[in-house]
Amino acid sequence: MASGVLTVDLDALVENWRSLDALSGAETGAVVKADGYGLGAGRVARALARAGARRFFVAMAGEGAALREALGPGPEINVFSGHMSGDTDMISDLGLTPMINSLDQLLRHVEALPGHPFGVQLDSGMNRLGMEPGEWAAVRDIAESQNLNLVMSHLACADEPNHDMNRHQLATFTEMTQGVQAPRSLSATGGILLGRDYHFEVTRPGIGLYGGLPFDLATPVITLDLPVIQVRDVAPGESVGYGNTWIAEEETRIATLAAGYADGIHRILSNRTQLYAGDTPCPLRGRVSMDLLTVDVTHLSEVPPSLSLVNKVQKIDTLATEAGTIGYELLTSLGARYTRRYVGA
């Protein structure tokens, strides 16, 4: 097989959801936007629904449509981008719940779909999406007189537990929602870990479900194995890959693997990460190219048919640190060329 194999452990995913659910003391939903953080929203959501999740969150209505097809009727699907122009039929026909972000969206929704459930997103200080305090105060009575079923906001610094912004947003959100009868939601994964003051009635974990930080007790969910296409011996003084960025100092055995930056393996990882043969690290040599990696396997007694880039030793956040980014970015960048293999659940 000429493509890498991305294995998704659905049992581990469910275990992470249950662990965060036990911490939250609230209804625990699940964020499955960006195609389930790159792992396949349909498979991920069905496993979580079987485990008890009844509320799911996506970024846009089109994602909600695909998710409704996978889940069928019943589970609630909340759309973070709200009720955009052109979304009305999709929201109505598929029973999606838009998270209203502005007065314009609220008017669009109640005029086009009177009585159809919706949520409201409030801006508690992040200045990204949602109604600011004055706007919310002006339309709150209208919203509450309709079928309002969730009020939410989003924490900007939840991955930094001691950041003052967390307490500021908690106080702002609490004040803005005082007396609201609908369920409230402030916390994604990081907020759940901040403690029960942040949980309100609904939590919505995302990255923690998929094995990423800040949930450092998460069970790893993915492994990524890349096939070896060819093995060659490189003499001292010879270079490997584009730009001659790595030159052999001694006789070296190099394995060429079928994966590259077209598959979400960022070029910045060139010459700075490693792959694994079991528990044995094998350094990446030379630049990451579009479709190929070159790896030093000199120390192996036998070269296996594939090497692992993400596993229980080198987790997605370990790799992200080496790339100068975060696990979210690497996870959602994993390319479409991988063969996806699902185990468990």
C-alpha atoms as a PDB file:
ATOM      1  CA  MET A   1       0.000   0.000   0.000  1.00  0.00           C
ATOM      2  CA  ALA A   2       1.472   3.341  -1.095  1.00  0.00           C
ATOM      3  CA  SER A   3      -0.227   5.560   1.478  1.00  0.00           C
ATOM      4  CA  GLY A   4       0.194   6.017   5.202  1.00  0.00           C
ATOM      5  CA  VAL A   5      -2.286   4.432   7.595  1.00  0.00           C
ATOM      6  CA  LEU A   6      -3.989   6.674  10.129  1.00  0.00           C
ATOM      7  CA  THR A   7      -5.466   4.476  12.860  1.00  0.00           C
ATOM      8  CA  VAL A   8      -8.213   6.006  15.006  1.00  0.00           C
ATOM      9  CA  ASP A   9      -8.921   4.281  18.319  1.00  0.00           C
ATOM     10  CA  LEU A  10     -12.601   4.982  18.934  1.00  0.00           C
ATOM     11  CA  ASP A  11     -12.484   3.267  22.327  1.00  0.00           C
ATOM     12  CA  ALA A  12      -9.813   5.761  23.423  1.00  0.00           C
ATOM     13  CA  LEU A  13     -11.930   8.635  22.080  1.00  0.00           C
ATOM     14  CA  VAL A  14     -14.938   7.425  24.090  1.00  0.00           C
ATOM     15  CA  GLU A  15     -12.770   6.955  27.174  1.00  0.00           C
ATOM     16  CA  ASN A  16     -11.617  10.581  26.894  1.00  0.00           C
ATOM     17  CA  TRP A  17     -15.210  11.792  26.538  1.00  0.00           C
ATOM     18  CA  ARG A  18     -16.280   9.821  29.602  1.00  0.00           C
ATOM     19  CA  SER A  19     -13.348  11.148  31.630  1.00  0.00           C
ATOM     20  CA  LEU A  20     -14.207  14.755  30.751  1.00  0.00           C
ATOM     21  CA  ASP A  21     -17.890  14.063  31.363  1.00  0.00           C
ATOM     22  CA  ALA A  22     -17.045  12.802  34.858  1.00  0.00           C
ATOM     23  CA  LEU A  23     -15.104  16.005  35.551  1.00  0.00           C
ATOM     24  CA  SER A  24     -17.750  18.385  34.275  1.00  0.00           C
ATOM     25  CA  GLY A  25     -20.784  17.777  36.472  1.00  0.00           C
ATOM     26  CA  ALA A  26     -22.899  18.998  33.561  1.00  0.00           C
ATOM     27  CA  GLU A  27     -24.286  17.773  30.274  1.00  0.00           C
ATOM     28  CA  THR A  28     -21.238  16.984  28.151  1.00  0.00           C
ATOM     29  CA  GLY A  29     -21.477  17.602  24.434  1.00  0.00           C
ATOM     30  CA  ALA A  30     -18.781  17.061  21.818  1.00  0.00           C
ATOM     31  CA  VAL A  31     -17.116  19.353  19.285  1.00  0.00           C
ATOM     32  CA  VAL A  32     -16.682  17.541  15.964  1.00  0.00           C
ATOM     33  CA  LYS A  33     -16.005  20.473  13.640  1.00  0.00           C
ATOM     34  CA  ALA A  34     -13.322  20.297  10.922  1.00  0.00           C
ATOM     35  CA  ASP A  35     -14.417  16.737  10.114  1.00  0.00           C
ATOM     36  CA  GLY A  36     -13.966  15.579  13.684  1.00  0.00           C
ATOM     37  CA  TYR A  37     -10.591  17.355  13.985  1.00  0.00           C
ATOM     38  CA  GLY A  38      -9.487  15.525  10.852  1.00  0.00           C
ATOM     39  CA  LEU A  39     -10.464  12.049  12.056  1.00  0.00           C
ATOM     40  CA  GLY A  40     -13.859  11.688  10.378  1.00  0.00           C
ATOM     41  CA  ALA A  41     -16.815  13.448  11.992  1.00  0.00           C
ATOM     42  CA  GLY A  42     -19.311  10.716  11.168  1.00  0.00           C
ATOM     43  CA  ARG A  43     -17.344   7.871  12.739  1.00  0.00           C
ATOM     44  CA  VAL A  44     -16.325   9.997  15.722  1.00  0.00           C
ATOM     45  CA  ALA A  45     -19.840  11.295  16.395  1.00  0.00           C
ATOM     46  CA  ARG A  46     -21.501   7.902  16.074  1.00  0.00           C
ATOM     47  CA  ALA A  47     -19.089   6.427  18.626  1.00  0.00           C
ATOM     48  CA  LEU A  48     -19.745   9.315  21.012  1.00  0.00           C
ATOM     49  CA  ALA A  49     -23.505   9.101  20.498  1.00  0.00           C
ATOM     50  CA  ARG A  50     -23.420   5.435  21.439  1.00  0.00           C
ATOM     51  CA  ALA A  51     -21.524   6.452  24.582  1.00  0.00           C
ATOM     52  CA  GLY A  52     -24.239   8.950  25.521  1.00  0.00           C
ATOM     53  CA  ALA A  53     -23.398  12.281  23.866  1.00  0.00           C
ATOM     54  CA  ARG A  54     -26.571  14.000  22.695  1.00  0.00           C
ATOM     55  CA  ARG A  55     -25.307  17.460  21.730  1.00  0.00           C
ATOM     56  CA  PHE A  56     -22.714  18.089  19.031  1.00  0.00           C
ATOM     57  CA  PHE A  57     -21.019  21.261  17.812  1.00  0.00           C
ATOM     58  CA  VAL A  58     -19.813  22.116  14.310  1.00  0.00           C
ATOM     59  CA  ALA A  59     -18.411  25.275  12.734  1.00  0.00           C
ATOM     60  CA  MET A  60     -20.832  25.779   9.837  1.00  0.00           C
ATOM     61  CA  ALA A  61     -24.144  24.548   8.494  1.00  0.00           C
ATOM     62  CA  GLY A  62     -22.543  22.408   5.781  1.00  0.00           C
ATOM     63  CA  GLU A  63     -20.708  20.436   8.461  1.00  0.00           C
ATOM     64  CA  GLY A  64     -23.992  20.094  10.302  1.00  0.00           C
ATOM     65  CA  ALA A  65     -25.629  18.630   7.208  1.00  0.00           C
ATOM     66  CA  ALA A  66     -22.963  15.948   6.864  1.00  0.00           C
ATOM     67  CA  LEU A  67     -23.212  15.187  10.571  1.00  0.00           C
ATOM     68  CA  ARG A  68     -26.997  14.873  10.461  1.00  0.00           C
ATOM     69  CA  GLU A  69     -26.648  12.345   7.652  1.00  0.00           C
ATOM     70  CA  ALA A  70     -24.232  10.344   9.808  1.00  0.00           C
ATOM     71  CA  LEU A  71     -26.233  10.556  13.054  1.00  0.00           C
ATOM     72  CA  GLY A  72     -29.806  10.577  11.854  1.00  0.00           C
ATOM     73  CA  PRO A  73     -32.569  12.354  13.784  1.00  0.00           C
ATOM     74  CA  GLY A  74     -32.336  12.947  17.515  1.00  0.00           C
ATOM     75  CA  PRO A  75     -28.986  14.409  18.603  1.00  0.00           C
ATOM     76  CA  GLU A  76     -28.800  18.188  18.689  1.00  0.00           C
ATOM     77  CA  ILE A  77     -26.330  19.764  16.265  1.00  0.00           C
ATOM     78  CA  ASN A  78     -25.254  23.302  17.184  1.00  0.00           C
ATOM     79  CA  VAL A  79     -23.673  25.496  14.502  1.00  0.00           C
ATOM     80  CA  PHE A  80     -21.117  28.002  15.826  1.00  0.00           C
ATOM     81  CA  SER A  81     -21.300  30.340  12.815  1.00  0.00           C
ATOM     82  CA  GLY A  82     -24.998  30.904  13.441  1.00  0.00           C
ATOM     83  CA  HIS A  83     -27.692  31.500  10.844  1.00  0.00           C
ATOM     84  CA  MET A  84     -25.863  32.733   7.760  1.00  0.00           C
ATOM     85  CA  SER A  85     -27.516  33.976   4.584  1.00  0.00           C
ATOM     86  CA  GLY A  86     -28.428  30.943   2.491  1.00  0.00           C
ATOM     87  CA  ASP A  87     -28.530  28.529   5.444  1.00  0.00           C
ATOM     88  CA  THR A  88     -32.254  28.713   6.150  1.00  0.00           C
ATOM     89  CA  ASP A  89     -33.412  25.632   4.249  1.00  0.00           C
ATOM     90  CA  MET A  90     -30.562  23.501   5.583  1.00  0.00           C
ATOM     91  CA  ILE A  91     -31.224  24.594   9.174  1.00  0.00           C
ATOM     92  CA  SER A  92     -34.931  23.932   8.801  1.00  0.00           C
ATOM     93  CA  ASP A  93     -34.847  20.674   6.861  1.00  0.00           C
ATOM     94  CA  LEU A  94     -32.085  19.058   8.929  1.00  0.00           C
ATOM     95  CA  GLY A  95     -33.074  20.349  12.346  1.00  0.00           C
ATOM     96  CA  LEU A  96     -29.825  22.230  12.985  1.00  0.00           C
ATOM     97  CA  THR A  97     -29.500  24.661  15.893  1.00  0.00           C
ATOM     98  CA  PRO A  98     -27.680  27.866  14.910  1.00  0.00           C
ATOM     99  CA  MET A  99     -25.729  29.744  17.568  1.00  0.00           C
ATOM    100  CA  ILE A 100     -26.841  33.317  16.853  1.00  0.00           C
ATOM    101  CA  ASN A 101     -23.951  35.810  16.920  1.00  0.00           C
ATOM    102  CA  SER A 102     -25.550  39.166  16.095  1.00  0.00           C
ATOM    103  CA  LEU A 103     -28.767  41.139  15.886  1.00  0.00           C
ATOM    104  CA  ASP A 104     -28.819  40.602  12.105  1.00  0.00           C
ATOM    105  CA  GLN A 105     -28.636  36.835  12.572  1.00  0.00           C
ATOM    106  CA  LEU A 106     -31.335  36.905  15.219  1.00  0.00           C
ATOM    107  CA  LEU A 107     -33.704  38.838  12.970  1.00  0.00           C
ATOM    108  CA  ARG A 108     -32.933  36.536  10.030  1.00  0.00           C
ATOM    109  CA  HIS A 109     -33.676  33.501  12.139  1.00  0.00           C
ATOM    110  CA  VAL A 110     -36.910  34.544  13.849  1.00  0.00           C
ATOM    111  CA  GLU A 111     -38.312  35.984  10.620  1.00  0.00           C
ATOM    112  CA  ALA A 112     -37.414  33.003   8.422  1.00  0.00           C
ATOM    113  CA  LEU A 113     -37.978  30.188  10.931  1.00  0.00           C
ATOM    114  CA  PRO A 114     -40.302  31.349  13.709  1.00  0.00           C
ATOM    115  CA  GLY A 115     -40.370  28.812  16.523  1.00  0.00           C
ATOM    116  CA  HIS A 116     -37.280  26.951  15.298  1.00  0.00           C
ATOM    117  CA  PRO A 117     -34.806  26.391  18.188  1.00  0.00           C
ATOM    118  CA  PHE A 118     -31.600  28.409  18.326  1.00  0.00           C
ATOM    119  CA  GLY A 119     -28.810  29.321  20.700  1.00  0.00           C
ATOM    120  CA  VAL A 120     -26.994  32.583  21.307  1.00  0.00           C
ATOM    121  CA  GLN A 121     -23.270  33.126  21.500  1.00  0.00           C
ATOM    122  CA  LEU A 122     -22.066  35.986  23.718  1.00  0.00           C
ATOM    123  CA  ASP A 123     -18.757  37.820  23.552  1.00  0.00           C
ATOM    124  CA  SER A 124     -17.361  37.767  27.087  1.00  0.00           C
ATOM    125  CA  GLY A 125     -14.073  39.382  26.089  1.00  0.00           C
ATOM    126  CA  MET A 126     -12.483  37.363  23.281  1.00  0.00           C
ATOM    127  CA  ASN A 127     -13.696  39.774  20.565  1.00  0.00           C
ATOM    128  CA  ARG A 128     -14.189  37.072  17.984  1.00  0.00           C
ATOM    129  CA  LEU A 129     -17.795  35.839  17.753  1.00  0.00           C
ATOM    130  CA  GLY A 130     -20.938  36.683  19.655  1.00  0.00           C
ATOM    131  CA  MET A 131     -23.043  39.546  20.940  1.00  0.00           C
ATOM    132  CA  GLU A 132     -21.380  42.138  23.139  1.00  0.00           C
ATOM    133  CA  PRO A 133     -23.080  43.069  26.448  1.00  0.00           C
ATOM    134  CA  GLY A 134     -24.957  46.081  25.073  1.00  0.00           C
ATOM    135  CA  GLU A 135     -26.256  44.222  22.024  1.00  0.00           C
ATOM    136  CA  TRP A 136     -27.341  41.261  24.156  1.00  0.00           C
ATOM    137  CA  ALA A 137     -29.134  43.542  26.612  1.00  0.00           C
ATOM    138  CA  ALA A 138     -31.077  45.089  23.734  1.00  0.00           C
ATOM    139  CA  VAL A 139     -32.323  41.782  22.298  1.00  0.00           C
ATOM    140  CA  ARG A 140     -32.372  39.471  25.309  1.00  0.00           C
ATOM    141  CA  ASP A 141     -36.117  39.736  25.846  1.00  0.00           C
ATOM    142  CA  ILE A 142     -36.761  38.946  22.177  1.00  0.00           C
ATOM    143  CA  ALA A 143     -34.422  35.955  22.277  1.00  0.00           C
ATOM    144  CA  GLU A 144     -35.915  34.561  25.468  1.00  0.00           C
ATOM    145  CA  SER A 145     -39.447  34.909  24.099  1.00  0.00           C
ATOM    146  CA  GLN A 146     -38.503  32.611  21.229  1.00  0.00           C
ATOM    147  CA  ASN A 147     -37.199  29.014  21.326  1.00  0.00           C
ATOM    148  CA  LEU A 148     -33.832  29.785  22.963  1.00  0.00           C
ATOM    149  CA  ASN A 149     -32.163  26.540  24.055  1.00  0.00           C
ATOM    150  CA  LEU A 150     -28.501  27.441  24.777  1.00  0.00           C
ATOM    151  CA  VAL A 151     -26.448  30.508  25.685  1.00  0.00           C
ATOM    152  CA  MET A 152     -22.682  30.166  25.315  1.00  0.00           C
ATOM    153  CA  SER A 153     -19.383  31.991  25.260  1.00  0.00           C
ATOM    154  CA  HIS A 154     -15.790  30.910  24.688  1.00  0.00           C
ATOM    155  CA  LEU A 155     -12.693  31.272  26.872  1.00  0.00           C
ATOM    156  CA  ALA A 156      -9.621  32.838  25.290  1.00  0.00           C
ATOM    157  CA  CYS A 157      -6.961  31.561  27.714  1.00  0.00           C
ATOM    158  CA  ALA A 158      -8.331  28.371  29.241  1.00  0.00           C
ATOM    159  CA  ASP A 159      -5.106  26.516  28.460  1.00  0.00           C
ATOM    160  CA  GLU A 160      -3.371  28.879  30.929  1.00  0.00           C
ATOM    161  CA  PRO A 161      -5.152  28.136  34.238  1.00  0.00           C
ATOM    162  CA  ASN A 162      -3.708  31.127  36.105  1.00  0.00           C
ATOM    163  CA  HIS A 163      -4.410  33.695  33.401  1.00  0.00           C
ATOM    164  CA  ASP A 164      -6.482  36.632  34.666  1.00  0.00           C
ATOM    165  CA  MET A 165      -8.591  36.517  31.502  1.00  0.00           C
ATOM    166  CA  ASN A 166     -10.294  33.331  32.708  1.00  0.00           C
ATOM    167  CA  ARG A 167     -11.709  34.966  35.806  1.00  0.00           C
ATOM    168  CA  HIS A 168     -12.628  38.100  33.857  1.00  0.00           C
ATOM    169  CA  GLN A 169     -14.602  36.125  31.296  1.00  0.00           C
ATOM    170  CA  LEU A 170     -16.253  33.988  33.957  1.00  0.00           C
ATOM    171  CA  ALA A 171     -17.473  37.130  35.752  1.00  0.00           C
ATOM    172  CA  THR A 172     -18.631  38.739  32.493  1.00  0.00           C
ATOM    173  CA  PHE A 173     -20.491  35.653  31.310  1.00  0.00           C
ATOM    174  CA  THR A 174     -22.107  35.150  34.707  1.00  0.00           C
ATOM    175  CA  GLU A 175     -23.321  38.739  34.723  1.00  0.00           C
ATOM    176  CA  MET A 176     -24.587  38.596  31.132  1.00  0.00           C
ATOM    177  CA  THR A 177     -26.569  35.405  31.751  1.00  0.00           C
ATOM    178  CA  GLN A 178     -27.965  36.138  35.203  1.00  0.00           C
ATOM    179  CA  GLY A 179     -31.525  34.832  35.283  1.00  0.00           C
ATOM    180  CA  VAL A 180     -31.400  33.166  31.855  1.00  0.00           C
ATOM    181  CA  GLN A 181     -33.602  30.066  31.823  1.00  0.00           C
ATOM    182  CA  ALA A 182     -31.841  28.334  28.925  1.00  0.00           C
ATOM    183  CA  PRO A 183     -28.808  26.115  29.614  1.00  0.00           C
ATOM    184  CA  ARG A 184     -25.464  27.936  29.557  1.00  0.00           C
ATOM    185  CA  SER A 185     -22.076  26.827  28.240  1.00  0.00           C
ATOM    186  CA  LEU A 186     -18.680  28.465  28.750  1.00  0.00           C
ATOM    187  CA  SER A 187     -16.184  25.601  28.740  1.00  0.00           C
ATOM    188  CA  ALA A 188     -14.454  23.557  26.090  1.00  0.00           C
ATOM    189  CA  THR A 189     -11.697  21.150  27.176  1.00  0.00           C
ATOM    190  CA  GLY A 190      -9.554  23.759  28.934  1.00  0.00           C
ATOM    191  CA  GLY A 191     -12.519  25.262  30.747  1.00  0.00           C
ATOM    192  CA  ILE A 192     -13.591  21.859  32.051  1.00  0.00           C
ATOM    193  CA  LEU A 193     -10.143  21.502  33.627  1.00  0.00           C
ATOM    194  CA  LEU A 194     -10.480  24.918  35.326  1.00  0.00           C
ATOM    195  CA  GLY A 195     -13.124  23.549  37.689  1.00  0.00           C
ATOM    196  CA  ARG A 196     -16.852  23.524  38.276  1.00  0.00           C
ATOM    197  CA  ASP A 197     -17.268  27.297  38.485  1.00  0.00           C
ATOM    198  CA  TYR A 198     -16.711  27.283  34.725  1.00  0.00           C
ATOM    199  CA  HIS A 199     -18.986  24.392  33.794  1.00  0.00           C
ATOM    200  CA  PHE A 200     -22.518  25.793  34.019  1.00  0.00           C
ATOM    201  CA  GLU A 201     -25.117  23.441  32.484  1.00  0.00           C
ATOM    202  CA  VAL A 202     -23.340  22.281  29.307  1.00  0.00           C
ATOM    203  CA  THR A 203     -19.691  21.658  28.471  1.00  0.00           C
ATOM    204  CA  ARG A 204     -18.353  21.091  24.975  1.00  0.00           C
ATOM    205  CA  PRO A 205     -14.970  19.321  24.901  1.00  0.00           C
ATOM    206  CA  GLY A 206     -13.047  19.266  21.642  1.00  0.00           C
ATOM    207  CA  ILE A 207      -9.294  18.666  21.512  1.00  0.00           C
ATOM    208  CA  GLY A 208      -9.285  16.608  24.716  1.00  0.00           C
ATOM    209  CA  LEU A 209     -11.504  14.013  23.057  1.00  0.00           C
ATOM    210  CA  TYR A 210      -8.845  13.467  20.418  1.00  0.00           C
ATOM    211  CA  GLY A 211      -5.969  13.019  22.869  1.00  0.00           C
ATOM    212  CA  GLY A 212      -4.606  16.559  22.826  1.00  0.00           C
ATOM    213  CA  LEU A 213      -3.495  19.122  25.381  1.00  0.00           C
ATOM    214  CA  PRO A 214      -4.453  20.709  27.703  1.00  0.00           C
ATOM    215  CA  PHE A 215      -6.017  17.386  28.758  1.00  0.00           C
ATOM    216  CA  ASP A 216      -2.710  15.789  29.687  1.00  0.00           C
ATOM    217  CA  LEU A 217      -4.422  12.665  31.087  1.00  0.00           C
ATOM    218  CA  ALA A 218      -6.046  11.920  27.744  1.00  0.00           C
ATOM    219  CA  THR A 219      -5.600   8.497  26.196  1.00  0.00           C
ATOM    220  CA  PRO A 220      -3.872   8.774  22.782  1.00  0.00           C
ATOM    221  CA  VAL A 221      -6.397   8.342  19.988  1.00  0.00           C
ATOM    222  CA  ILE A 222      -4.325   8.132  16.798  1.00  0.00           C
ATOM    223  CA  THR A 223      -1.305   6.403  15.378  1.00  0.00           C
ATOM    224  CA  LEU A 224       0.179   7.278  12.005  1.00  0.00           C
ATOM    225  CA  ASP A 225       2.254   4.681  10.169  1.00  0.00           C
ATOM    226  CA  LEU A 226       4.080   5.589   6.955  1.00  0.00           C
ATOM    227  CA  PRO A 227       5.181   2.947   4.419  1.00  0.00           C
ATOM    228  CA  VAL A 228       8.804   2.488   3.409  1.00  0.00           C
ATOM    229  CA  ILE A 229       9.157   2.705  -0.375  1.00  0.00           C
ATOM    230  CA  GLN A 230      12.903   2.236  -0.729  1.00  0.00           C
ATOM    231  CA  VAL A 231      16.091   1.807   1.310  1.00  0.00           C
ATOM    232  CA  ARG A 232      19.518   2.983   0.138  1.00  0.00           C
ATOM    233  CA  ASP A 233      23.027   3.322   1.507  1.00  0.00           C
ATOM    234  CA  VAL A 234      24.489   6.820   1.513  1.00  0.00           C
ATOM    235  CA  ALA A 235      28.250   7.292   1.567  1.00  0.00           C
ATOM    236  CA  PRO A 236      30.046   9.839   3.778  1.00  0.00           C
ATOM    237  CA  GLY A 237      29.904  13.286   2.179  1.00  0.00           C
ATOM    238  CA  GLU A 238      26.710  12.579   0.205  1.00  0.00           C
ATOM    239  CA  SER A 239      23.575  14.628   0.867  1.00  0.00           C
ATOM    240  CA  VAL A 240      19.928  13.652   1.231  1.00  0.00           C
ATOM    241  CA  GLY A 241      16.934  15.536  -0.109  1.00  0.00           C
ATOM    242  CA  TYR A 242      16.308  19.032  -1.442  1.00  0.00           C
ATOM    243  CA  GLY A 243      18.836  21.752  -0.730  1.00  0.00           C
ATOM    244  CA  ASN A 244      21.576  19.436   0.599  1.00  0.00           C
ATOM    245  CA  THR A 245      20.454  20.308   4.132  1.00  0.00           C
ATOM    246  CA  TRP A 246      21.742  17.034   5.583  1.00  0.00           C
ATOM    247  CA  ILE A 247      25.088  15.484   4.664  1.00  0.00           C
ATOM    248  CA  ALA A 248      26.169  12.064   5.862  1.00  0.00           C
ATOM    249  CA  GLU A 249      29.249  11.990   8.090  1.00  0.00           C
ATOM    250  CA  GLU A 250      29.476   8.207   7.917  1.00  0.00           C
ATOM    251  CA  GLU A 251      27.976   5.333   5.974  1.00  0.00           C
ATOM    252  CA  THR A 252      24.226   5.734   6.513  1.00  0.00           C
ATOM    253  CA  ARG A 253      21.197   3.698   5.578  1.00  0.00           C
ATOM    254  CA  ILE A 254      18.268   5.897   4.518  1.00  0.00           C
ATOM    255  CA  ALA A 255      14.650   4.772   4.171  1.00  0.00           C
ATOM    256  CA  THR A 256      12.353   6.782   1.907  1.00  0.00           C
ATOM    257  CA  LEU A 257       8.746   6.949   3.144  1.00  0.00           C
ATOM    258  CA  ALA A 258       5.524   7.756   1.301  1.00  0.00           C
ATOM    259  CA  ALA A 259       4.346  10.960   3.024  1.00  0.00           C
ATOM    260  CA  GLY A 260       5.155  14.654   3.000  1.00  0.00           C
ATOM    261  CA  TYR A 261       3.785  18.125   3.483  1.00  0.00           C
ATOM    262  CA  ALA A 262       0.864  17.310   1.171  1.00  0.00           C
ATOM    263  CA  ASP A 263      -0.167  14.909   3.943  1.00  0.00           C
ATOM    264  CA  GLY A 264       0.049  17.440   6.767  1.00  0.00           C
ATOM    265  CA  ILE A 265       3.657  16.756   7.808  1.00  0.00           C
ATOM    266  CA  HIS A 266       4.882  20.317   8.022  1.00  0.00           C
ATOM    267  CA  ARG A 267       8.098  21.243   6.241  1.00  0.00           C
ATOM    268  CA  ILE A 268       9.432  22.900   9.382  1.00  0.00           C
ATOM    269  CA  LEU A 269       9.908  19.387  10.811  1.00  0.00           C
ATOM    270  CA  SER A 270      12.778  18.846   8.381  1.00  0.00           C
ATOM    271  CA  ASN A 271      15.873  17.549  10.209  1.00  0.00           C
ATOM    272  CA  ARG A 272      14.244  18.016  13.619  1.00  0.00           C
ATOM    273  CA  THR A 273      11.902  15.129  14.354  1.00  0.00           C
ATOM    274  CA  GLN A 274      12.005  11.350  14.336  1.00  0.00           C
ATOM    275  CA  LEU A 275       9.931   8.360  13.372  1.00  0.00           C
ATOM    276  CA  TYR A 276       9.723   5.080  15.237  1.00  0.00           C
ATOM    277  CA  ALA A 277      10.329   1.437  14.548  1.00  0.00           C
ATOM    278  CA  GLY A 278       8.429   0.117  17.544  1.00  0.00           C
ATOM    279  CA  ASP A 279       9.978   2.041  20.454  1.00  0.00           C
ATOM    280  CA  THR A 280      13.215   2.798  18.569  1.00  0.00           C
ATOM    281  CA  PRO A 281      13.581   6.383  17.289  1.00  0.00           C
ATOM    282  CA  CYS A 282      14.819   6.958  13.736  1.00  0.00           C
ATOM    283  CA  PRO A 283      15.848  10.555  12.888  1.00  0.00           C
ATOM    284  CA  LEU A 284      14.299  12.378   9.953  1.00  0.00           C
ATOM    285  CA  ARG A 285      17.126  13.409   7.626  1.00  0.00           C
ATOM    286  CA  GLY A 286      16.836  16.165   5.050  1.00  0.00           C
ATOM    287  CA  ARG A 287      13.838  18.221   4.079  1.00  0.00           C
ATOM    288  CA  VAL A 288      10.243  17.135   4.158  1.00  0.00           C
ATOM    289  CA  SER A 289       9.110  17.210   0.533  1.00  0.00           C
ATOM    290  CA  MET A 290       5.603  17.107  -0.889  1.00  0.00           C
ATOM    291  CA  ASP A 291       5.254  13.327  -0.976  1.00  0.00           C
ATOM    292  CA  LEU A 292       8.382  11.872   0.651  1.00  0.00           C
ATOM    293  CA  LEU A 293      10.378  11.689   3.881  1.00  0.00           C
ATOM    294  CA  THR A 294      13.904  10.345   4.303  1.00  0.00           C
ATOM    295  CA  VAL A 295      14.757   8.648   7.585  1.00  0.00           C
ATOM    296  CA  ASP A 296      17.968   7.305   9.105  1.00  0.00           C
ATOM    297  CA  VAL A 297      17.535   3.577   9.804  1.00  0.00           C
ATOM    298  CA  THR A 298      21.243   2.691  10.059  1.00  0.00           C
ATOM    299  CA  HIS A 299      20.889   1.411  13.621  1.00  0.00           C
ATOM    300  CA  LEU A 300      18.046  -1.011  12.830  1.00  0.00           C
ATOM    301  CA  SER A 301      18.928  -4.678  12.343  1.00  0.00           C
ATOM    302  CA  GLU A 302      15.957  -4.952   9.990  1.00  0.00           C
ATOM    303  CA  VAL A 303      13.959  -2.202   8.311  1.00  0.00           C
ATOM    304  CA  PRO A 304      10.209  -2.697   8.901  1.00  0.00           C
ATOM    305  CA  PRO A 305       7.641  -2.132   6.137  1.00  0.00           C
ATOM    306  CA  SER A 306       6.518   1.090   7.836  1.00  0.00           C
ATOM    307  CA  LEU A 307       7.641   3.598  10.455  1.00  0.00           C
ATOM    308  CA  SER A 308       5.416   5.462  12.903  1.00  0.00           C
ATOM    309  CA  LEU A 309       5.257   9.253  13.113  1.00  0.00           C
ATOM    310  CA  VAL A 310       2.518   9.523  15.762  1.00  0.00           C
ATOM    311  CA  ASN A 311       2.164   6.872  18.442  1.00  0.00           C
ATOM    312  CA  LYS A 312       2.041   6.398  22.205  1.00  0.00           C
ATOM    313  CA  VAL A 313       5.685   7.544  22.485  1.00  0.00           C
ATOM    314  CA  GLN A 314       5.503  10.557  20.158  1.00  0.00           C
ATOM    315  CA  LYS A 315       2.052  12.060  20.623  1.00  0.00           C
ATOM    316  CA  ILE A 316       0.505  14.728  18.427  1.00  0.00           C
ATOM    317  CA  ASP A 317       1.477  17.516  20.847  1.00  0.00           C
ATOM    318  CA  THR A 318       5.093  16.309  20.993  1.00  0.00           C
ATOM    319  CA  LEU A 319       5.247  16.625  17.233  1.00  0.00           C
ATOM    320  CA  ALA A 320       3.489  19.987  17.346  1.00  0.00           C
ATOM    321  CA  THR A 321       6.057  21.381  19.781  1.00  0.00           C
ATOM    322  CA  GLU A 322       8.840  20.376  17.389  1.00  0.00           C
ATOM    323  CA  ALA A 323       6.950  22.147  14.590  1.00  0.00           C
ATOM    324  CA  GLY A 324       6.458  25.302  16.678  1.00  0.00           C
ATOM    325  CA  THR A 325       2.691  24.986  16.622  1.00  0.00           C
ATOM    326  CA  ILE A 326      -0.159  23.290  18.514  1.00  0.00           C
ATOM    327  CA  GLY A 327      -1.714  19.850  18.316  1.00  0.00           C
ATOM    328  CA  TYR A 328      -4.941  21.274  16.865  1.00  0.00           C
ATOM    329  CA  GLU A 329      -3.134  22.455  13.729  1.00  0.00           C
ATOM    330  CA  LEU A 330      -1.280  19.223  13.080  1.00  0.00           C
ATOM    331  CA  LEU A 331      -4.311  17.064  13.791  1.00  0.00           C
ATOM    332  CA  THR A 332      -6.597  18.986  11.452  1.00  0.00           C
ATOM    333  CA  SER A 333      -3.883  19.092   8.758  1.00  0.00           C
ATOM    334  CA  LEU A 334      -3.656  15.328   8.350  1.00  0.00           C
ATOM    335  CA  GLY A 335      -4.138  14.770   4.665  1.00  0.00           C
ATOM    336  CA  ALA A 336      -6.858  13.005   2.718  1.00  0.00           C
ATOM    337  CA  ARG A 337      -4.417  10.530   1.196  1.00  0.00           C
ATOM    338  CA  TYR A 338      -4.050   8.458   4.342  1.00  0.00           C
ATOM    339  CA  THR A 339      -5.936   5.209   4.621  1.00  0.00           C
ATOM    340  CA  ARG A 340      -8.073   5.652   7.725  1.00  0.00           C
ATOM    341  CA  ARG A 341      -8.484   2.598   9.919  1.00  0.00           C
ATOM    342  CA  TYR A 342     -10.961   2.623  12.790  1.00  0.00           C
ATOM    343  CA  VAL A 343     -10.693   0.268  15.748  1.00  0.00           C
ATOM    344  CA  GLY A 344     -12.988  -0.165  18.728  1.00  0.00           C
ATOM    345  CA  ALA A 345     -16.379   1.295  19.633  1.00  0.00           C
END
